[in-house]
């Protein structure tokens, strides 16, 4: 899901979401009281500035979390992580499972204009338009001719999405998909208003007055690098079910500052890091969350030193993931593969049952591989390397890796923390040597991780290429035989790991402090993580 780290189905794909790791439904469900009033003001922190709130251009988890609360798609994930009708009131699937017909309910944008099927058609085709340069355009490739249009081989009219009338959207897929319905709950599939997008151009989605929204909340304030404020929407179709009046999201890169605000009653929710986790782990307000996130090192294969497979393996084998996970104390687990163990598929089959050979901590082998790799690459001395990292609490992992590579391999690594927007831009342009990255599941299927490593995927920032890998993944994108599809994806993952295209580090976890009067915040393991639609405050005194 997105750079920054980051579904369920009726009929064909229902088992995918039912088998997803259950989300954190913080607080018990109780009788909601009070309605949206002055007491229903939630104070919380977010880790970074969102790169954009344009659904066609958003790439990071913070942006997706905000979009999931100010916008809404055809479906949304409910408190049990199952998809429920949102802007769509009904969905019909053809017998061959390739044509989806969505009927839209009566719903309005934040400026009072009706939401129509044309808003969905326009949004999806805008994301696919090569001129938009959307990094997430590939997620629409299940739609007929979507990929061909995105690559300039077909026109927009050939794409299998059409507004039959204002209330009917017809979508034709290339092949039956086990996860398409769930994708419609993901922010890239949200509607956009053509008149608003064209009015603001490149500024669309950058300020509250340069966008319209259709979700439970509206974006009322955006103080860049400081704060985002959401207000209950008075035009949302299900506004009677929304209790919160306001959600203030303060951008807190320093967790200690967030905890100070929490302890003085100025914050209701804040995230913890390793330094603070132990102090609060016995508190009733200690709230862990495990999603479907992989954190890994991306290697720029255009770098001569890192182009060597043995050198990349040496770096991976020098990382003691168990010790790192224990140091972080945030619920993270050691990762030796790319796809996390929380990802399942049809028939409730866990992908990790396939014994893919992963990358493990082996200092002796790391030293041997480095020596052989340097000889192959023509190096007699070790060059100094740089590694991009996040400039928030996550840089702790980068510093640990820096120390490991110096101690075990004698490689000097400079850690270069960057704000998320700048970090993403440098990765996209190839302006890095190594980068500590994260990817969260957009939907509950291994493909949400594995297709990011295709040769032509914009999120394959290291520019790694392997024809056999590409062939297996592209076949799996359309293979209706789901058992064979899983085996092919497992084989592809094994190829990628054996070639050390990346170095898996951790399966990410998070730990929060959350006041006990905060009820029914939902954190989803796949897709956009945060849902405030059902949240309310019960007994907050100030």
Protein backbone atom coordinates (compact mmCIF):
# COMPACT_ATOMS: atom_id res chain seq x y z
CA UNK A 1 0.00 0.00 0.00
CA UNK A 2 1.55 2.51 -0.88
CA UNK A 3 4.97 3.72 -0.32
CA UNK A 4 4.86 4.61 3.21
CA UNK A 5 4.05 1.15 4.02
CA UNK A 6 0.24 0.02 2.14
CA UNK A 7 -11.05 -7.33 0.64
CA UNK A 8 -13.45 -9.04 0.32
CA UNK A 9 -15.87 -10.41 -2.12
CA UNK A 10 -19.27 -11.77 -2.94
CA UNK A 11 -19.36 -15.16 -4.61
CA UNK A 12 -16.06 -15.86 -6.38
CA UNK A 13 -13.77 -14.03 -4.00
CA UNK A 14 -15.62 -13.96 -0.69
CA UNK A 15 -13.15 -16.24 1.04
CA UNK A 16 -10.30 -13.80 0.46
CA UNK A 17 -11.64 -11.16 2.80
CA UNK A 18 -13.14 -13.59 5.24
CA UNK A 19 -9.67 -15.06 5.67
CA UNK A 20 -7.94 -11.72 6.17
CA UNK A 21 -6.34 -11.01 9.50
CA UNK A 22 -9.02 -9.27 11.53
CA UNK A 23 -8.56 -5.56 12.06
CA UNK A 24 -8.28 -3.77 15.37
CA UNK A 25 -11.73 -2.57 16.39
CA UNK A 26 -10.54 -0.37 19.20
CA UNK A 27 -12.98 -0.12 22.06
CA UNK A 28 -16.10 -2.13 22.55
CA UNK A 29 -19.23 -1.53 20.59
CA UNK A 30 -21.73 0.24 22.75
CA UNK A 31 -24.76 2.43 22.50
CA UNK A 32 -23.56 5.57 20.77
CA UNK A 33 -24.68 8.74 22.43
CA UNK A 34 -24.69 12.40 21.91
CA UNK A 35 -24.52 12.69 18.13
CA UNK A 36 -21.92 14.86 16.44
CA UNK A 37 -21.34 17.73 18.86
CA UNK A 38 -18.56 19.74 20.45
CA UNK A 39 -17.57 16.81 22.67
CA UNK A 40 -16.98 14.56 19.67
CA UNK A 41 -13.55 15.98 18.80
CA UNK A 42 -10.80 13.40 18.30
CA UNK A 43 -7.17 14.45 18.67
CA UNK A 44 -4.66 12.09 17.06
CA UNK A 45 -1.28 12.05 15.36
CA UNK A 46 -0.13 10.92 11.91
CA UNK A 47 3.44 10.08 10.96
CA UNK A 48 3.97 12.34 7.96
CA UNK A 49 2.59 14.83 5.46
CA UNK A 50 0.50 13.10 2.77
CA UNK A 51 2.07 13.42 -0.67
CA UNK A 52 -1.28 14.25 -2.33
CA UNK A 53 -5.00 13.82 -1.74
CA UNK A 54 -5.66 13.37 -5.44
CA UNK A 55 -6.86 9.72 -5.67
CA UNK A 56 -5.06 9.33 -9.00
CA UNK A 57 -1.73 10.49 -7.57
CA UNK A 58 -1.71 9.41 -3.91
CA UNK A 59 0.90 6.76 -3.14
CA UNK A 60 1.50 6.70 0.62
CA UNK A 61 -0.42 5.17 3.50
CA UNK A 62 -1.05 8.50 5.25
CA UNK A 63 -2.73 9.84 2.10
CA UNK A 64 -4.78 6.66 1.72
CA UNK A 65 -5.89 6.83 5.38
CA UNK A 66 -7.12 10.39 4.95
CA UNK A 67 -8.77 9.66 1.59
CA UNK A 68 -10.56 6.66 3.12
CA UNK A 69 -12.29 9.05 5.52
CA UNK A 70 -13.02 12.02 3.26
CA UNK A 71 -13.94 9.98 0.17
CA UNK A 72 -15.74 6.76 -0.61
CA UNK A 73 -15.86 4.23 -3.44
CA UNK A 74 -18.43 1.76 -4.66
CA UNK A 75 -17.71 -0.42 -1.60
CA UNK A 76 -15.93 0.18 1.69
CA UNK A 77 -14.50 -2.24 4.26
CA UNK A 78 -16.68 -2.48 7.35
CA UNK A 79 -15.77 -3.10 10.99
CA UNK A 80 -15.17 -6.79 10.23
CA UNK A 81 -13.02 -6.06 7.16
CA UNK A 82 -15.75 -7.29 4.85
CA UNK A 83 -16.83 -5.14 1.92
CA UNK A 84 -20.17 -3.45 2.24
CA UNK A 85 -22.09 -1.32 -0.21
CA UNK A 86 -21.06 2.32 -0.11
CA UNK A 87 -21.80 4.53 -3.12
CA UNK A 88 -23.01 1.35 -4.82
CA UNK A 89 -26.34 0.12 -3.54
CA UNK A 90 -26.27 -3.06 -5.61
CA UNK A 91 -23.80 -5.16 -7.60
CA UNK A 92 -24.46 -7.84 -10.20
CA UNK A 93 -21.82 -10.22 -11.65
CA UNK A 94 -22.24 -11.96 -15.00
CA UNK A 95 -22.16 -15.80 -15.16
CA UNK A 96 -18.64 -15.72 -16.63
CA UNK A 97 -17.58 -13.45 -13.71
CA UNK A 98 -16.10 -10.89 -16.09
CA UNK A 99 -18.79 -8.18 -16.12
CA UNK A 100 -19.73 -6.22 -12.99
CA UNK A 101 -22.73 -3.91 -13.00
CA UNK A 102 -22.95 -1.44 -10.13
CA UNK A 103 -26.11 0.51 -9.29
CA UNK A 104 -25.36 3.79 -7.48
CA UNK A 105 -27.42 5.08 -4.56
CA UNK A 106 -28.52 8.71 -4.23
CA UNK A 107 -25.43 10.41 -2.86
CA UNK A 108 -23.86 13.87 -3.03
CA UNK A 109 -20.48 15.52 -3.22
CA UNK A 110 -19.48 17.99 -0.50
CA UNK A 111 -20.77 20.87 -2.66
CA UNK A 112 -24.21 19.24 -2.94
CA UNK A 113 -23.95 18.01 -6.53
CA UNK A 114 -25.02 14.40 -7.17
CA UNK A 115 -22.44 11.62 -7.55
CA UNK A 116 -22.87 9.87 -10.89
CA UNK A 117 -21.43 6.82 -12.62
CA UNK A 118 -19.60 9.24 -14.92
CA UNK A 119 -17.52 10.38 -11.92
CA UNK A 120 -16.21 6.83 -11.54
CA UNK A 121 -15.60 6.34 -15.25
CA UNK A 122 -13.76 9.67 -15.44
CA UNK A 123 -11.64 8.93 -12.36
CA UNK A 124 -10.52 5.46 -13.42
CA UNK A 125 -9.72 6.56 -16.97
CA UNK A 126 -7.88 9.63 -15.68
CA UNK A 127 -5.69 7.38 -13.52
CA UNK A 128 -4.99 5.21 -16.57
CA UNK A 129 -4.31 8.15 -18.88
CA UNK A 130 -0.54 8.08 -19.60
CA UNK A 131 -0.47 11.91 -19.24
CA UNK A 132 -1.57 11.60 -15.61
CA UNK A 133 1.58 9.55 -14.87
CA UNK A 134 -0.15 7.78 -11.98
CA UNK A 135 2.20 5.42 -10.16
CA UNK A 136 -0.83 3.35 -9.14
CA UNK A 137 -2.36 2.99 -12.61
CA UNK A 138 -1.36 -0.69 -12.76
CA UNK A 139 -3.86 -1.57 -10.01
CA UNK A 140 -6.64 -1.03 -12.59
CA UNK A 141 -5.13 -3.50 -15.07
CA UNK A 142 -7.72 -6.18 -14.25
CA UNK A 143 -10.12 -4.09 -16.35
CA UNK A 144 -10.32 -4.90 -20.06
CA UNK A 145 -7.86 -2.81 -22.13
CA UNK A 146 -6.79 -0.79 -19.08
CA UNK A 147 -3.13 -1.75 -19.43
CA UNK A 148 -3.16 -1.19 -23.19
CA UNK A 149 -4.58 2.33 -22.73
CA UNK A 150 -2.11 3.13 -19.97
CA UNK A 151 0.73 2.10 -22.29
CA UNK A 152 -0.56 4.10 -25.26
CA UNK A 153 -1.75 1.10 -27.29
CA UNK A 154 -5.52 1.71 -26.96
CA UNK A 155 -7.75 4.72 -26.46
CA UNK A 156 -9.89 5.63 -23.44
CA UNK A 157 -13.05 4.47 -25.19
CA UNK A 158 -11.62 0.93 -25.38
CA UNK A 159 -11.30 0.62 -21.59
CA UNK A 160 -13.91 -1.71 -20.07
CA UNK A 161 -15.58 0.84 -17.80
CA UNK A 162 -18.67 2.74 -18.89
CA UNK A 163 -21.34 4.88 -17.28
CA UNK A 164 -24.49 3.38 -18.81
CA UNK A 165 -26.49 6.19 -17.19
CA UNK A 166 -26.12 8.39 -14.11
CA UNK A 167 -26.86 5.49 -11.76
CA UNK A 168 -25.31 2.52 -13.57
CA UNK A 169 -21.62 1.67 -13.97
CA UNK A 170 -20.64 -1.30 -16.10
CA UNK A 171 -17.14 -2.78 -15.72
CA UNK A 172 -15.71 -5.52 -17.95
CA UNK A 173 -12.61 -7.41 -16.80
CA UNK A 174 -9.97 -9.13 -18.92
CA UNK A 175 -10.44 -12.33 -16.94
CA UNK A 176 -12.25 -13.37 -13.77
CA UNK A 177 -10.48 -11.80 -10.80
CA UNK A 178 -10.48 -13.15 -7.25
CA UNK A 179 -10.05 -9.67 -5.80
CA UNK A 180 -11.68 -7.09 -8.08
CA UNK A 181 -14.71 -6.28 -5.95
CA UNK A 182 -12.52 -5.59 -2.95
CA UNK A 183 -10.35 -3.26 -5.01
CA UNK A 184 -13.30 -0.91 -5.41
CA UNK A 185 -12.90 -0.05 -1.71
CA UNK A 186 -9.33 1.15 -2.32
CA UNK A 187 -8.76 4.93 -2.75
CA UNK A 188 -7.40 4.68 -6.30
CA UNK A 189 -10.92 3.52 -7.29
CA UNK A 190 -12.69 6.50 -5.72
CA UNK A 191 -14.68 8.88 -7.98
CA UNK A 192 -13.45 12.28 -9.16
CA UNK A 193 -15.37 15.25 -10.53
CA UNK A 194 -14.16 16.26 -13.98
CA UNK A 195 -15.11 19.93 -13.59
CA UNK A 196 -13.19 20.24 -10.30
CA UNK A 197 -10.10 18.40 -11.56
CA UNK A 198 -9.94 20.51 -14.70
CA UNK A 199 -10.53 23.73 -12.77
CA UNK A 200 -7.55 23.17 -10.46
CA UNK A 201 -5.23 21.15 -12.71
CA UNK A 202 -2.01 20.11 -10.93
CA UNK A 203 -3.25 21.80 -7.74
CA UNK A 204 -6.18 19.38 -7.44
CA UNK A 205 -6.00 17.52 -4.13
CA UNK A 206 -3.40 19.84 -2.60
CA UNK A 207 -5.65 22.15 -0.51
CA UNK A 208 -9.15 21.90 1.00
CA UNK A 209 -10.52 24.45 -1.48
CA UNK A 210 -9.07 22.60 -4.47
CA UNK A 211 -11.13 19.44 -4.21
CA UNK A 212 -14.58 18.08 -3.44
CA UNK A 213 -15.16 14.98 -1.34
CA UNK A 214 -17.91 12.41 -0.85
CA UNK A 215 -17.02 10.52 2.34
CA UNK A 216 -18.06 10.60 6.00
CA UNK A 217 -15.82 13.62 6.61
CA UNK A 218 -14.74 16.71 4.71
CA UNK A 219 -11.24 18.16 4.64
CA UNK A 220 -11.71 21.44 6.52
CA UNK A 221 -8.08 22.40 7.13
CA UNK A 222 -4.62 21.39 5.91
CA UNK A 223 -1.65 23.13 7.51
CA UNK A 224 1.15 21.52 5.56
CA UNK A 225 3.69 19.59 7.64
CA UNK A 226 1.66 20.45 10.75
CA UNK A 227 -1.96 19.37 10.80
CA UNK A 228 -4.92 17.97 8.86
CA UNK A 229 -8.43 18.58 10.15
CA UNK A 230 -11.50 16.56 9.18
CA UNK A 231 -15.10 17.66 9.88
CA UNK A 232 -18.23 15.54 9.73
CA UNK A 233 -19.75 15.88 6.27
CA UNK A 234 -23.25 17.31 6.13
CA UNK A 235 -23.80 15.91 2.61
CA UNK A 236 -22.66 12.29 3.22
CA UNK A 237 -25.41 9.80 2.39
CA UNK A 238 -24.97 7.92 5.70
CA UNK A 239 -24.20 10.94 7.90
CA UNK A 240 -26.69 9.85 10.57
CA UNK A 241 -24.30 7.02 11.40
CA UNK A 242 -21.28 9.29 11.88
CA UNK A 243 -20.69 10.39 15.48
CA UNK A 244 -17.41 12.33 15.37
CA UNK A 245 -17.74 16.04 14.73
CA UNK A 246 -14.03 16.66 14.17
CA UNK A 247 -10.80 14.70 13.82
CA UNK A 248 -7.61 16.72 14.26
CA UNK A 249 -4.61 14.87 12.81
CA UNK A 250 -1.35 16.44 13.97
CA UNK A 251 1.75 15.50 11.99
CA UNK A 252 4.17 14.04 14.56
CA UNK A 253 7.45 12.66 13.28
CA UNK A 254 8.81 12.56 16.85
CA UNK A 255 6.91 10.00 18.91
CA UNK A 256 8.10 11.52 22.21
CA UNK A 257 6.28 14.75 21.37
CA UNK A 258 3.13 12.78 20.64
CA UNK A 259 3.36 10.96 23.96
CA UNK A 260 3.84 14.24 25.84
CA UNK A 261 0.66 15.58 24.26
CA UNK A 262 -1.10 12.31 25.11
CA UNK A 263 0.00 12.43 28.75
CA UNK A 264 -1.17 16.03 29.13
CA UNK A 265 -4.60 15.25 27.69
CA UNK A 266 -3.99 17.04 24.38
CA UNK A 267 -4.06 13.87 22.30
CA UNK A 268 -6.41 10.88 22.39
CA UNK A 269 -4.30 8.56 20.20
CA UNK A 270 -0.58 8.53 19.49
CA UNK A 271 1.89 6.03 18.08
CA UNK A 272 4.76 4.55 20.11
CA UNK A 273 8.28 3.60 19.13
CA UNK A 274 10.77 1.18 20.72
CA UNK A 275 12.05 3.70 23.25
CA UNK A 276 8.56 4.25 24.67
CA UNK A 277 6.84 0.93 24.07
CA UNK A 278 8.17 -0.79 27.20
CA UNK A 279 7.00 2.02 29.45
CA UNK A 280 3.38 1.56 28.40
CA UNK A 281 3.06 -2.13 27.49
CA UNK A 282 1.15 -2.96 30.70
CA UNK A 283 -1.23 -0.05 30.28
CA UNK A 284 -4.87 -0.70 29.38
CA UNK A 285 -4.38 1.99 26.73
CA UNK A 286 -1.59 0.05 24.97
CA UNK A 287 -3.05 -0.90 21.56
CA UNK A 288 -1.00 -3.10 19.18
CA UNK A 289 -1.92 -3.54 15.53
CA UNK A 290 -0.68 -6.15 13.05
CA UNK A 291 -1.45 -5.56 9.40
CA UNK A 292 -0.01 -6.98 6.19
CA UNK A 293 3.12 -4.90 5.71
CA UNK A 294 6.61 -5.76 4.46
CA UNK A 295 9.61 -3.57 5.15
CA UNK A 296 12.60 -4.19 2.95
CA UNK A 297 15.72 -2.74 1.37
CA UNK A 298 15.42 -1.79 -2.28
CA UNK A 299 18.72 -2.00 -4.17
CA UNK A 300 19.35 0.26 -7.16
CA UNK A 301 20.52 -2.33 -9.66
CA UNK A 302 21.85 0.44 -11.91
CA UNK A 303 24.58 0.96 -9.29
CA UNK A 304 27.67 -1.05 -10.37
CA UNK A 305 28.44 -2.37 -6.88
CA UNK A 306 24.83 -3.30 -6.08
CA UNK A 307 24.22 -4.78 -9.53
CA UNK A 308 26.03 -7.91 -8.33
CA UNK A 309 23.67 -10.56 -6.93
CA UNK A 310 26.21 -11.92 -4.44
CA UNK A 311 26.84 -8.46 -3.00
CA UNK A 312 23.11 -7.87 -2.54
CA UNK A 313 22.79 -11.27 -0.85
CA UNK A 314 25.73 -10.48 1.40
CA UNK A 315 24.01 -7.32 2.59
CA UNK A 316 20.81 -9.21 3.28
CA UNK A 317 22.55 -12.06 5.11
CA UNK A 318 24.32 -9.54 7.37
CA UNK A 319 21.05 -8.27 8.87
CA UNK A 320 20.01 -9.82 12.19
CA UNK A 321 16.27 -9.45 11.80
CA UNK A 322 15.37 -11.17 15.09
CA UNK A 323 17.44 -8.73 17.12
CA UNK A 324 16.03 -5.78 15.16
CA UNK A 325 12.43 -6.86 15.81
CA UNK A 326 13.17 -7.20 19.54
CA UNK A 327 14.78 -3.77 19.63
CA UNK A 328 11.87 -2.04 17.90
CA UNK A 329 9.22 -3.46 20.27
CA UNK A 330 6.45 -2.33 17.94
CA UNK A 331 4.96 -5.69 17.05
CA UNK A 332 7.17 -6.14 13.99
CA UNK A 333 8.32 -9.68 13.11
CA UNK A 334 11.51 -10.82 11.33
CA UNK A 335 10.92 -11.14 7.57
CA UNK A 336 12.77 -13.53 5.29
CA UNK A 337 10.30 -13.30 2.40
CA UNK A 338 8.36 -10.51 0.69
CA UNK A 339 4.74 -11.64 1.18
CA UNK A 340 3.69 -11.47 4.87
CA UNK A 341 2.17 -14.51 6.64
CA UNK A 342 -1.12 -12.62 7.13
CA UNK A 343 -1.86 -12.85 3.38
CA UNK A 344 -4.20 -15.65 2.34
CA UNK A 345 -6.29 -16.42 -0.70
CA UNK A 346 -9.12 -18.56 -1.97
CA UNK A 347 -10.21 -21.47 0.25
CA UNK A 348 -8.55 -19.73 3.21
CA UNK A 349 -5.16 -20.91 1.95
CA UNK A 350 -2.18 -19.16 3.53
CA UNK A 351 0.42 -18.22 0.95
CA UNK A 352 3.28 -18.93 3.33
CA UNK A 353 2.46 -22.64 3.32
CA UNK A 354 4.54 -22.69 0.13
CA UNK A 355 8.10 -23.15 1.36
CA UNK A 356 9.77 -20.33 -0.51
CA UNK A 357 13.47 -20.18 0.29
CA UNK A 358 13.95 -16.87 2.01
CA UNK A 359 16.89 -14.76 3.12
CA UNK A 360 18.28 -15.39 6.59
CA UNK A 361 20.89 -13.96 8.94
CA UNK A 362 24.19 -15.73 8.20
CA UNK A 363 27.28 -13.58 8.88
CA UNK A 364 29.77 -16.22 7.68
CA UNK A 365 27.97 -16.66 4.37
CA UNK A 366 27.57 -12.89 4.07
CA UNK A 367 31.33 -12.37 4.28
CA UNK A 368 32.00 -15.12 1.74
CA UNK A 369 29.44 -13.76 -0.72
CA UNK A 370 30.77 -10.22 -0.39
CA UNK A 371 34.32 -11.36 -1.16
CA UNK A 372 33.19 -13.36 -4.21
CA UNK A 373 30.85 -10.64 -5.40
CA UNK A 374 33.50 -7.93 -5.20
CA UNK A 375 35.90 -10.08 -7.21
CA UNK A 376 33.23 -10.68 -9.87
CA UNK A 377 32.38 -6.97 -10.03
CA UNK A 378 36.03 -5.89 -10.14
CA UNK A 379 36.22 -4.17 -6.73
CA UNK A 380 39.32 -4.30 -4.55
CA UNK A 381 37.87 -2.00 -1.88
CA UNK A 382 34.40 -1.41 -0.52
CA UNK A 383 32.72 1.79 -1.67
CA UNK A 384 30.78 3.91 0.78
CA UNK A 385 27.04 3.45 0.29
CA UNK A 386 24.04 5.60 1.14
CA UNK A 387 20.61 4.42 2.26
CA UNK A 388 17.44 6.48 2.17
CA UNK A 389 15.15 6.11 5.16
CA UNK A 390 12.04 7.72 6.57
CA UNK A 391 12.68 10.78 8.74
CA UNK A 392 10.31 9.60 11.46
CA UNK A 393 10.49 6.79 14.05
CA UNK A 394 11.26 4.27 11.28
CA UNK A 395 14.81 5.57 10.86
CA UNK A 396 15.73 3.47 13.92
CA UNK A 397 15.68 0.36 11.72
CA UNK A 398 17.95 2.05 9.15
CA UNK A 399 20.48 2.95 11.86
CA UNK A 400 20.49 -0.66 13.08
CA UNK A 401 21.14 -1.93 9.55
CA UNK A 402 23.89 0.66 9.12
CA UNK A 403 25.65 -0.70 12.21
CA UNK A 404 25.24 -4.32 11.11
CA UNK A 405 26.74 -3.76 7.66
CA UNK A 406 29.69 -1.92 9.15
CA UNK A 407 30.34 -4.49 11.89
CA UNK A 408 29.91 -7.66 9.83
CA UNK A 409 30.94 -6.60 6.32
CA UNK A 410 33.01 -3.51 6.94
CA UNK A 411 30.77 -1.50 4.61
CA UNK A 412 30.33 2.16 5.51
CA UNK A 413 26.70 3.20 4.98
CA UNK A 414 25.39 6.74 5.31
CA UNK A 415 21.76 6.85 6.46
CA UNK A 416 19.90 9.64 4.70
CA UNK A 417 16.52 10.34 6.37
CA UNK A 418 14.05 12.13 4.08
CA UNK A 419 10.48 13.44 4.40
CA UNK A 420 8.11 10.99 2.73
CA UNK A 421 7.41 13.16 -0.31
CA UNK A 422 11.08 13.76 -1.07
CA UNK A 423 11.99 10.13 -0.34
CA UNK A 424 9.34 8.87 -2.76
CA UNK A 425 10.46 11.32 -5.44
CA UNK A 426 14.07 10.18 -5.18
CA UNK A 427 13.06 6.51 -5.34
CA UNK A 428 10.89 7.11 -8.38
CA UNK A 429 13.67 8.96 -10.20
CA UNK A 430 16.30 6.33 -9.27
CA UNK A 431 18.26 8.87 -7.22
CA UNK A 432 19.40 6.42 -4.53
CA UNK A 433 21.69 3.47 -3.88
CA UNK A 434 19.71 1.65 -1.21
CA UNK A 435 16.39 2.60 0.34
CA UNK A 436 14.55 1.21 3.34
CA UNK A 437 11.00 0.93 2.07
CA UNK A 438 7.66 -0.46 3.12
CA UNK A 439 4.71 -1.92 1.26
CA UNK A 440 1.28 -2.57 2.74
CA UNK A 441 -1.33 -4.82 1.16
CA UNK A 442 -3.91 -3.04 -0.99
CA UNK A 443 -6.03 -6.21 -0.96
CA UNK A 444 -5.79 -9.71 0.51
CA UNK A 445 -3.83 -11.55 -2.16
CA UNK A 446 -0.07 -12.18 -2.75
CA UNK A 447 -0.36 -10.27 -6.02
CA UNK A 448 -0.60 -6.97 -4.14
CA UNK A 449 3.09 -7.47 -3.24
CA UNK A 450 4.46 -9.49 -6.13
CA UNK A 451 3.29 -7.35 -9.05
CA UNK A 452 5.27 -4.40 -7.65
CA UNK A 453 8.45 -6.19 -8.77
CA UNK A 454 7.44 -6.54 -12.43
CA UNK A 455 9.99 -5.00 -14.78
CA UNK A 456 7.62 -2.21 -15.85
CA UNK A 457 6.00 -1.50 -12.49
CA UNK A 458 6.74 2.06 -11.27
CA UNK A 459 7.14 0.78 -7.71
CA UNK A 460 10.03 -1.45 -8.81
CA UNK A 461 12.32 1.42 -7.89
CA UNK A 462 15.49 -0.69 -7.99
CA UNK A 463 14.89 -1.43 -11.69
CA UNK A 464 15.35 -5.18 -11.19
CA UNK A 465 14.36 -7.27 -14.21
CA UNK A 466 13.76 -10.99 -14.70
CA UNK A 467 11.86 -12.41 -17.67
CA UNK A 468 10.83 -15.63 -15.93
CA UNK A 469 9.50 -13.66 -12.96
CA UNK A 470 7.53 -11.35 -15.26
CA UNK A 471 6.08 -14.32 -17.14
CA UNK A 472 4.93 -16.11 -13.97
CA UNK A 473 3.35 -13.00 -12.45
CA UNK A 474 1.57 -11.91 -15.64
CA UNK A 475 0.22 -15.44 -16.04
CA UNK A 476 -0.99 -15.37 -12.43
CA UNK A 477 -2.78 -12.06 -12.96
CA UNK A 478 -5.26 -13.78 -15.27
CA UNK A 479 -5.10 -17.46 -14.30
CA UNK A 480 -8.59 -18.62 -13.21
CA UNK A 481 -7.11 -21.80 -11.69
CA UNK A 482 -6.36 -20.40 -8.28
CA UNK A 483 -4.33 -23.36 -6.88
CA UNK A 484 -1.97 -23.28 -9.86
CA UNK A 485 -1.86 -19.51 -9.60
CA UNK A 486 -0.59 -19.70 -6.01
CA UNK A 487 2.14 -22.16 -6.98
CA UNK A 488 3.28 -19.92 -9.81
CA UNK A 489 3.37 -16.88 -7.52
CA UNK A 490 5.38 -18.82 -4.93
CA UNK A 491 7.86 -19.85 -7.64
CA UNK A 492 8.14 -16.23 -8.78
CA UNK A 493 8.77 -15.00 -5.24
CA UNK A 494 11.50 -17.62 -4.89
CA UNK A 495 13.20 -16.35 -8.06
CA UNK A 496 13.09 -12.78 -6.83
CA UNK A 497 14.49 -13.65 -3.41
CA UNK A 498 17.19 -15.94 -4.81
CA UNK A 499 18.34 -13.07 -7.00
CA UNK A 500 18.19 -10.72 -3.98
CA UNK A 501 16.15 -8.14 -5.87
CA UNK A 502 15.28 -6.85 -2.41
CA UNK A 503 16.33 -7.68 1.14
CA UNK A 504 13.25 -8.39 3.29
CA UNK A 505 13.73 -7.01 6.80
CA UNK A 506 10.50 -6.96 8.82
CA UNK A 507 6.81 -7.69 8.70
CA UNK A 508 5.64 -4.40 10.11
CA UNK A 509 3.60 -3.83 13.22
CA UNK A 510 2.45 -0.72 15.05
CA UNK A 511 1.73 0.15 18.65
CA UNK A 512 -0.57 2.97 19.75
CA UNK A 513 -1.67 4.58 22.96
CA UNK A 514 -5.41 5.10 22.82
CA UNK A 515 -7.65 6.60 25.50
CA UNK A 516 -10.30 4.18 26.69
CA UNK A 517 -13.07 6.65 25.94
CA UNK A 518 -12.20 6.36 22.22
CA UNK A 519 -14.54 3.78 20.77
CA UNK A 520 -14.86 1.89 17.49
CA UNK A 521 -11.87 3.14 15.54
CA UNK A 522 -11.19 0.44 12.98
CA UNK A 523 -7.77 -0.37 11.55
CA UNK A 524 -7.88 -2.65 8.52
CA UNK A 525 -5.06 -5.12 7.75
CA UNK A 526 -5.43 -4.58 3.99
CA UNK A 527 -6.27 -1.54 1.88
CA UNK A 528 -6.46 1.86 3.55
CA UNK A 529 -5.77 1.23 7.22
CA UNK A 530 -7.82 3.79 9.14
CA UNK A 531 -11.61 4.11 9.31
CA UNK A 532 -13.20 6.78 11.53
CA UNK A 533 -16.72 6.39 10.18
CA UNK A 534 -17.94 4.43 13.23
CA UNK A 535 -15.70 6.08 15.86
CA UNK A 536 -17.05 8.08 18.79
CA UNK A 537 -15.91 9.40 22.17
CA UNK A 538 -17.70 8.15 25.25
CA UNK A 539 -16.90 10.13 28.39
CA UNK A 540 -14.15 12.45 27.25
CA UNK A 541 -14.15 15.33 29.74
CA UNK A 542 -11.94 17.85 27.95
